[in-house]
Amino acid sequence: MIAVIDYGMGNLASVQNALLKLGYEVFISNDKELIINADRVILPGVGAFEDAIKCLCDLGLDQTIKQVLRYGKPVLGICLGMQLIFSQSEENGLHTGLDLLPGRVVRFQLPPSYKVPHMGWNSIKPAQESRLFQGIDTGSYFYFVHSYYPVPEDSKVIAAQSEYGVNFTCAIEQDNLFATQFHPEKSGNIGLKVLKNFGEMQL
């Protein structure tokens, strides 16, 4: 059973539908007990970092996520959900995140020829040892919509990188914590493969 966390921000239905298409049992909820008892947890997100972290904390879901991780269950952050797991974000001021991984979320600083937000399909380069990207070739394309991206303090957590004017981290994994800056649920069959890898993850 996979729980998709509902904290008031995120395209929850598309994540749920992608998982249902893969044959998984999935539910959307902000109920702490249900989330903790799920086999796997997904933290999606669309919108502003400050609003998202406030919603999570107000609902007590920040502690729920940390508890799920302590239990050794796989957790996947998607888009804003990836940014929230880091220490800080520079979006509209400096804001504290979940601090599950040391690092800072920064805005693209690019020449005028590059549009921000970065929106559309872009290729990625997975790390060879990545469990999240098993069976996925370098150069595979995924769908992005973002103006900010995380800069981890420890490069060992980087599971994949992409390039948009600069090389940036587009996926991380450490122990049972995983995240993608792109939207696997909007990335066709290759995105479904990432979600399937997460769903079948043996830790």
C-alpha atoms as a PDB file:
ATOM      1  CA  MET A   1       0.000   0.000   0.000  1.00  0.00           C
ATOM      2  CA  ILE A   2       1.380   3.415  -1.032  1.00  0.00           C
ATOM      3  CA  ALA A   3       0.335   6.623   0.726  1.00  0.00           C
ATOM      4  CA  VAL A   4       0.350   9.929  -1.177  1.00  0.00           C
ATOM      5  CA  ILE A   5       0.547  12.748   1.368  1.00  0.00           C
ATOM      6  CA  ASP A   6      -2.162  15.387   1.044  1.00  0.00           C
ATOM      7  CA  TYR A   7      -1.043  18.633   2.675  1.00  0.00           C
ATOM      8  CA  GLY A   8      -3.060  20.932   0.443  1.00  0.00           C
ATOM      9  CA  MET A   9      -0.473  21.410  -2.321  1.00  0.00           C
ATOM     10  CA  GLY A  10       0.239  19.135  -5.241  1.00  0.00           C
ATOM     11  CA  ASN A  11      -1.235  17.359  -8.228  1.00  0.00           C
ATOM     12  CA  LEU A  12      -2.255  14.353  -6.171  1.00  0.00           C
ATOM     13  CA  ALA A  13      -4.653  12.703  -8.618  1.00  0.00           C
ATOM     14  CA  SER A  14      -2.045  12.352 -11.373  1.00  0.00           C
ATOM     15  CA  VAL A  15       0.364  10.632  -8.969  1.00  0.00           C
ATOM     16  CA  GLN A  16      -2.392   8.333  -7.744  1.00  0.00           C
ATOM     17  CA  ASN A  17      -3.505   7.498 -11.296  1.00  0.00           C
ATOM     18  CA  ALA A  18       0.040   6.643 -12.382  1.00  0.00           C
ATOM     19  CA  LEU A  19       0.424   4.260  -9.441  1.00  0.00           C
ATOM     20  CA  LEU A  20      -2.987   2.697 -10.107  1.00  0.00           C
ATOM     21  CA  LYS A  21      -1.954   2.151 -13.717  1.00  0.00           C
ATOM     22  CA  LEU A  22       1.017   0.170 -12.416  1.00  0.00           C
ATOM     23  CA  GLY A  23      -1.317  -1.965 -10.324  1.00  0.00           C
ATOM     24  CA  TYR A  24      -0.470  -0.620  -6.880  1.00  0.00           C
ATOM     25  CA  GLU A  25      -2.892  -0.045  -4.049  1.00  0.00           C
ATOM     26  CA  VAL A  26      -2.678   3.671  -3.284  1.00  0.00           C
ATOM     27  CA  PHE A  27      -4.532   6.224  -1.190  1.00  0.00           C
ATOM     28  CA  ILE A  28      -4.345   9.997  -0.685  1.00  0.00           C
ATOM     29  CA  SER A  29      -4.457  11.181   2.912  1.00  0.00           C
ATOM     30  CA  ASN A  30      -3.207  13.548   5.605  1.00  0.00           C
ATOM     31  CA  ASP A  31      -4.068  11.049   8.360  1.00  0.00           C
ATOM     32  CA  LYS A  32      -0.825  10.464  10.277  1.00  0.00           C
ATOM     33  CA  GLU A  33      -1.663   6.938  11.402  1.00  0.00           C
ATOM     34  CA  LEU A  34      -2.653   5.796   7.916  1.00  0.00           C
ATOM     35  CA  ILE A  35       0.522   7.287   6.430  1.00  0.00           C
ATOM     36  CA  ILE A  36       2.757   5.686   9.066  1.00  0.00           C
ATOM     37  CA  ASN A  37       1.135   2.284   8.456  1.00  0.00           C
ATOM     38  CA  ALA A  38       1.586   2.438   4.660  1.00  0.00           C
ATOM     39  CA  ASP A  39       4.340   0.390   3.041  1.00  0.00           C
ATOM     40  CA  ARG A  40       5.688   3.359   1.075  1.00  0.00           C
ATOM     41  CA  VAL A  41       5.055   7.084   1.119  1.00  0.00           C
ATOM     42  CA  ILE A  42       5.135   9.756  -1.595  1.00  0.00           C
ATOM     43  CA  LEU A  43       5.476  13.479  -0.869  1.00  0.00           C
ATOM     44  CA  PRO A  44       4.347  15.379  -4.003  1.00  0.00           C
ATOM     45  CA  GLY A  45       4.144  19.145  -4.334  1.00  0.00           C
ATOM     46  CA  VAL A  46       3.406  22.084  -6.602  1.00  0.00           C
ATOM     47  CA  GLY A  47       3.680  25.709  -5.504  1.00  0.00           C
ATOM     48  CA  ALA A  48       5.765  27.838  -3.156  1.00  0.00           C
ATOM     49  CA  PHE A  49       8.217  26.363  -0.655  1.00  0.00           C
ATOM     50  CA  GLU A  50       7.196  28.642   2.235  1.00  0.00           C
ATOM     51  CA  ASP A  51       3.505  27.774   1.938  1.00  0.00           C
ATOM     52  CA  ALA A  52       4.246  24.065   1.590  1.00  0.00           C
ATOM     53  CA  ILE A  53       6.488  23.741   4.639  1.00  0.00           C
ATOM     54  CA  LYS A  54       3.959  25.700   6.712  1.00  0.00           C
ATOM     55  CA  CYS A  55       1.138  23.385   5.649  1.00  0.00           C
ATOM     56  CA  LEU A  56       3.201  20.294   6.451  1.00  0.00           C
ATOM     57  CA  CYS A  57       4.181  21.579   9.883  1.00  0.00           C
ATOM     58  CA  ASP A  58       0.701  22.851  10.745  1.00  0.00           C
ATOM     59  CA  LEU A  59      -0.665  19.365  10.061  1.00  0.00           C
ATOM     60  CA  GLY A  60       2.182  17.686  11.947  1.00  0.00           C
ATOM     61  CA  LEU A  61       3.145  15.807   8.801  1.00  0.00           C
ATOM     62  CA  ASP A  62       6.767  16.918   9.037  1.00  0.00           C
ATOM     63  CA  GLN A  63       7.174  14.611  12.032  1.00  0.00           C
ATOM     64  CA  THR A  64       5.162  11.882  10.338  1.00  0.00           C
ATOM     65  CA  ILE A  65       7.571  11.831   7.386  1.00  0.00           C
ATOM     66  CA  LYS A  66      10.550  11.601   9.741  1.00  0.00           C
ATOM     67  CA  GLN A  67       8.876   8.756  11.613  1.00  0.00           C
ATOM     68  CA  VAL A  68       8.217   6.846   8.382  1.00  0.00           C
ATOM     69  CA  LEU A  69      11.891   7.196   7.481  1.00  0.00           C
ATOM     70  CA  ARG A  70      12.972   5.977  10.939  1.00  0.00           C
ATOM     71  CA  TYR A  71      10.842   2.875  10.368  1.00  0.00           C
ATOM     72  CA  GLY A  72      12.909   2.193   7.246  1.00  0.00           C
ATOM     73  CA  LYS A  73      10.052   2.586   4.773  1.00  0.00           C
ATOM     74  CA  PRO A  74      10.773   4.068   1.318  1.00  0.00           C
ATOM     75  CA  VAL A  75       9.811   7.731   0.879  1.00  0.00           C
ATOM     76  CA  LEU A  76       9.739   9.514  -2.503  1.00  0.00           C
ATOM     77  CA  GLY A  77       9.596  13.296  -2.900  1.00  0.00           C
ATOM     78  CA  ILE A  78       8.400  14.712  -6.229  1.00  0.00           C
ATOM     79  CA  CYS A  79       9.136  18.244  -7.557  1.00  0.00           C
ATOM     80  CA  LEU A  80       8.469  20.613  -4.619  1.00  0.00           C
ATOM     81  CA  GLY A  81       8.428  17.475  -2.494  1.00  0.00           C
ATOM     82  CA  MET A  82      12.092  17.001  -3.383  1.00  0.00           C
ATOM     83  CA  GLN A  83      12.972  20.571  -2.432  1.00  0.00           C
ATOM     84  CA  LEU A  84      11.198  20.286   0.921  1.00  0.00           C
ATOM     85  CA  ILE A  85      13.509  17.513   2.141  1.00  0.00           C
ATOM     86  CA  PHE A  86      16.519  19.844   2.149  1.00  0.00           C
ATOM     87  CA  SER A  87      17.712  22.192   4.898  1.00  0.00           C
ATOM     88  CA  GLN A  88      16.828  25.546   3.355  1.00  0.00           C
ATOM     89  CA  SER A  89      15.255  27.228   0.348  1.00  0.00           C
ATOM     90  CA  GLU A  90      16.039  30.664  -1.074  1.00  0.00           C
ATOM     91  CA  GLU A  91      12.581  30.986  -2.639  1.00  0.00           C
ATOM     92  CA  ASN A  92      11.103  34.372  -1.629  1.00  0.00           C
ATOM     93  CA  GLY A  93      13.540  34.712   1.262  1.00  0.00           C
ATOM     94  CA  LEU A  94      15.326  32.069   3.301  1.00  0.00           C
ATOM     95  CA  HIS A  95      13.101  29.299   4.680  1.00  0.00           C
ATOM     96  CA  THR A  96      13.869  26.168   6.687  1.00  0.00           C
ATOM     97  CA  GLY A  97      12.909  22.837   5.154  1.00  0.00           C
ATOM     98  CA  LEU A  98      12.523  19.361   6.603  1.00  0.00           C
ATOM     99  CA  ASP A  99      16.317  19.118   6.871  1.00  0.00           C
ATOM    100  CA  LEU A 100      16.353  15.435   5.963  1.00  0.00           C
ATOM    101  CA  LEU A 101      19.384  16.136   3.780  1.00  0.00           C
ATOM    102  CA  PRO A 102      21.885  19.002   4.173  1.00  0.00           C
ATOM    103  CA  GLY A 103      21.656  21.409   1.260  1.00  0.00           C
ATOM    104  CA  ARG A 104      20.030  24.535  -0.125  1.00  0.00           C
ATOM    105  CA  VAL A 105      17.385  25.080  -2.798  1.00  0.00           C
ATOM    106  CA  VAL A 106      18.426  27.853  -5.207  1.00  0.00           C
ATOM    107  CA  ARG A 107      16.914  29.638  -8.198  1.00  0.00           C
ATOM    108  CA  PHE A 108      18.195  29.238 -11.751  1.00  0.00           C
ATOM    109  CA  GLN A 109      20.539  32.129 -12.596  1.00  0.00           C
ATOM    110  CA  LEU A 110      20.681  31.941 -16.379  1.00  0.00           C
ATOM    111  CA  PRO A 111      21.261  34.127 -19.462  1.00  0.00           C
ATOM    112  CA  PRO A 112      18.145  35.789 -20.963  1.00  0.00           C
ATOM    113  CA  SER A 113      17.997  33.130 -23.691  1.00  0.00           C
ATOM    114  CA  TYR A 114      16.852  30.620 -21.057  1.00  0.00           C
ATOM    115  CA  LYS A 115      13.291  30.830 -19.824  1.00  0.00           C
ATOM    116  CA  VAL A 116      12.565  30.405 -16.125  1.00  0.00           C
ATOM    117  CA  PRO A 117      10.686  28.381 -15.021  1.00  0.00           C
ATOM    118  CA  HIS A 118      12.379  25.480 -16.739  1.00  0.00           C
ATOM    119  CA  MET A 119       9.359  23.794 -18.295  1.00  0.00           C
ATOM    120  CA  GLY A 120       9.176  20.792 -20.573  1.00  0.00           C
ATOM    121  CA  TRP A 121      11.067  17.641 -21.452  1.00  0.00           C
ATOM    122  CA  ASN A 122      14.748  17.326 -20.620  1.00  0.00           C
ATOM    123  CA  SER A 123      17.263  14.486 -20.601  1.00  0.00           C
ATOM    124  CA  ILE A 124      18.909  13.180 -17.462  1.00  0.00           C
ATOM    125  CA  LYS A 125      22.108  11.350 -16.547  1.00  0.00           C
ATOM    126  CA  PRO A 126      21.470   8.757 -13.819  1.00  0.00           C
ATOM    127  CA  ALA A 127      24.224   7.587 -11.495  1.00  0.00           C
ATOM    128  CA  GLN A 128      25.261   4.043 -12.364  1.00  0.00           C
ATOM    129  CA  GLU A 129      24.585   2.724  -8.874  1.00  0.00           C
ATOM    130  CA  SER A 130      21.143   4.341  -8.573  1.00  0.00           C
ATOM    131  CA  ARG A 131      18.357   1.989  -7.497  1.00  0.00           C
ATOM    132  CA  LEU A 132      15.658   4.452  -8.548  1.00  0.00           C
ATOM    133  CA  PHE A 133      16.921   4.485 -12.150  1.00  0.00           C
ATOM    134  CA  GLN A 134      17.613   0.792 -12.676  1.00  0.00           C
ATOM    135  CA  GLY A 135      16.928  -0.087 -16.312  1.00  0.00           C
ATOM    136  CA  ILE A 136      16.792   3.585 -17.380  1.00  0.00           C
ATOM    137  CA  ASP A 137      19.348   4.776 -19.913  1.00  0.00           C
ATOM    138  CA  THR A 138      21.410   7.953 -19.786  1.00  0.00           C
ATOM    139  CA  GLY A 139      19.721  10.526 -22.016  1.00  0.00           C
ATOM    140  CA  SER A 140      16.173   9.457 -21.148  1.00  0.00           C
ATOM    141  CA  TYR A 141      13.731  12.372 -21.132  1.00  0.00           C
ATOM    142  CA  PHE A 142      11.503  13.430 -18.233  1.00  0.00           C
ATOM    143  CA  TYR A 143       9.047  16.277 -17.721  1.00  0.00           C
ATOM    144  CA  PHE A 144      10.127  19.283 -15.605  1.00  0.00           C
ATOM    145  CA  VAL A 145       8.329  22.376 -14.283  1.00  0.00           C
ATOM    146  CA  HIS A 146      10.480  24.356 -11.811  1.00  0.00           C
ATOM    147  CA  SER A 147      12.366  27.584 -11.163  1.00  0.00           C
ATOM    148  CA  TYR A 148      14.429  26.247  -8.247  1.00  0.00           C
ATOM    149  CA  TYR A 149      16.606  23.192  -7.723  1.00  0.00           C
ATOM    150  CA  PRO A 150      18.467  21.666  -4.761  1.00  0.00           C
ATOM    151  CA  VAL A 151      22.214  21.786  -4.213  1.00  0.00           C
ATOM    152  CA  PRO A 152      23.089  18.931  -1.833  1.00  0.00           C
ATOM    153  CA  GLU A 153      26.085  19.370   0.453  1.00  0.00           C
ATOM    154  CA  ASP A 154      27.040  15.730  -0.099  1.00  0.00           C
ATOM    155  CA  SER A 155      27.390  14.797  -3.760  1.00  0.00           C
ATOM    156  CA  LYS A 156      27.078  11.110  -2.848  1.00  0.00           C
ATOM    157  CA  VAL A 157      23.286  11.505  -2.540  1.00  0.00           C
ATOM    158  CA  ILE A 158      22.922  12.588  -6.197  1.00  0.00           C
ATOM    159  CA  ALA A 159      21.028   9.900  -8.124  1.00  0.00           C
ATOM    160  CA  ALA A 160      20.731  11.835 -11.407  1.00  0.00           C
ATOM    161  CA  GLN A 161      21.647  15.151 -12.987  1.00  0.00           C
ATOM    162  CA  SER A 162      20.236  17.231 -15.809  1.00  0.00           C
ATOM    163  CA  GLU A 163      21.369  20.323 -17.704  1.00  0.00           C
ATOM    164  CA  TYR A 164      19.535  23.578 -18.299  1.00  0.00           C
ATOM    165  CA  GLY A 165      22.142  26.275 -18.691  1.00  0.00           C
ATOM    166  CA  VAL A 166      23.878  24.672 -15.701  1.00  0.00           C
ATOM    167  CA  ASN A 167      24.203  21.107 -14.518  1.00  0.00           C
ATOM    168  CA  PHE A 168      21.779  20.555 -11.665  1.00  0.00           C
ATOM    169  CA  THR A 169      20.707  17.746  -9.371  1.00  0.00           C
ATOM    170  CA  CYS A 170      17.402  16.292 -10.543  1.00  0.00           C
ATOM    171  CA  ALA A 171      17.199  13.234  -8.286  1.00  0.00           C
ATOM    172  CA  ILE A 172      18.609  12.054  -4.972  1.00  0.00           C
ATOM    173  CA  GLU A 173      18.655   8.886  -2.948  1.00  0.00           C
ATOM    174  CA  GLN A 174      20.048   8.026   0.452  1.00  0.00           C
ATOM    175  CA  ASP A 175      19.091   4.843   2.274  1.00  0.00           C
ATOM    176  CA  ASN A 176      15.252   4.788   2.111  1.00  0.00           C
ATOM    177  CA  LEU A 177      14.868   8.430   1.010  1.00  0.00           C
ATOM    178  CA  PHE A 178      14.382   9.185  -2.705  1.00  0.00           C
ATOM    179  CA  ALA A 179      13.304  12.258  -4.661  1.00  0.00           C
ATOM    180  CA  THR A 180      12.997  13.618  -8.200  1.00  0.00           C
ATOM    181  CA  GLN A 181      12.801  17.224  -9.394  1.00  0.00           C
ATOM    182  CA  PHE A 182      10.959  16.095 -12.524  1.00  0.00           C
ATOM    183  CA  HIS A 183       7.436  14.665 -12.529  1.00  0.00           C
ATOM    184  CA  PRO A 184       7.580  10.900 -13.142  1.00  0.00           C
ATOM    185  CA  GLU A 185       3.762  10.772 -13.193  1.00  0.00           C
ATOM    186  CA  LYS A 186       3.799  13.140 -16.203  1.00  0.00           C
ATOM    187  CA  SER A 187       6.751  11.521 -17.996  1.00  0.00           C
ATOM    188  CA  GLY A 188       5.077   8.717 -19.903  1.00  0.00           C
ATOM    189  CA  ASN A 189       6.324   5.137 -19.758  1.00  0.00           C
ATOM    190  CA  ILE A 190       9.819   6.101 -18.640  1.00  0.00           C
ATOM    191  CA  GLY A 191       8.328   7.949 -15.675  1.00  0.00           C
ATOM    192  CA  LEU A 192       6.205   4.933 -14.833  1.00  0.00           C
ATOM    193  CA  LYS A 193       9.420   2.890 -14.786  1.00  0.00           C
ATOM    194  CA  VAL A 194      10.821   5.191 -12.061  1.00  0.00           C
ATOM    195  CA  LEU A 195       7.639   4.779 -10.018  1.00  0.00           C
ATOM    196  CA  LYS A 196       7.768   1.009 -10.558  1.00  0.00           C
ATOM    197  CA  ASN A 197      11.385   0.940  -9.357  1.00  0.00           C
ATOM    198  CA  PHE A 198      10.270   2.807  -6.237  1.00  0.00           C
ATOM    199  CA  GLY A 199       7.330   0.477  -5.734  1.00  0.00           C
ATOM    200  CA  GLU A 200       9.526  -2.607  -5.981  1.00  0.00           C
ATOM    201  CA  MET A 201      12.422  -1.204  -3.934  1.00  0.00           C
ATOM    202  CA  GLN A 202      14.024  -3.744  -1.637  1.00  0.00           C
ATOM    203  CA  LEU A 203      15.894  -2.033   1.187  1.00  0.00           C
END
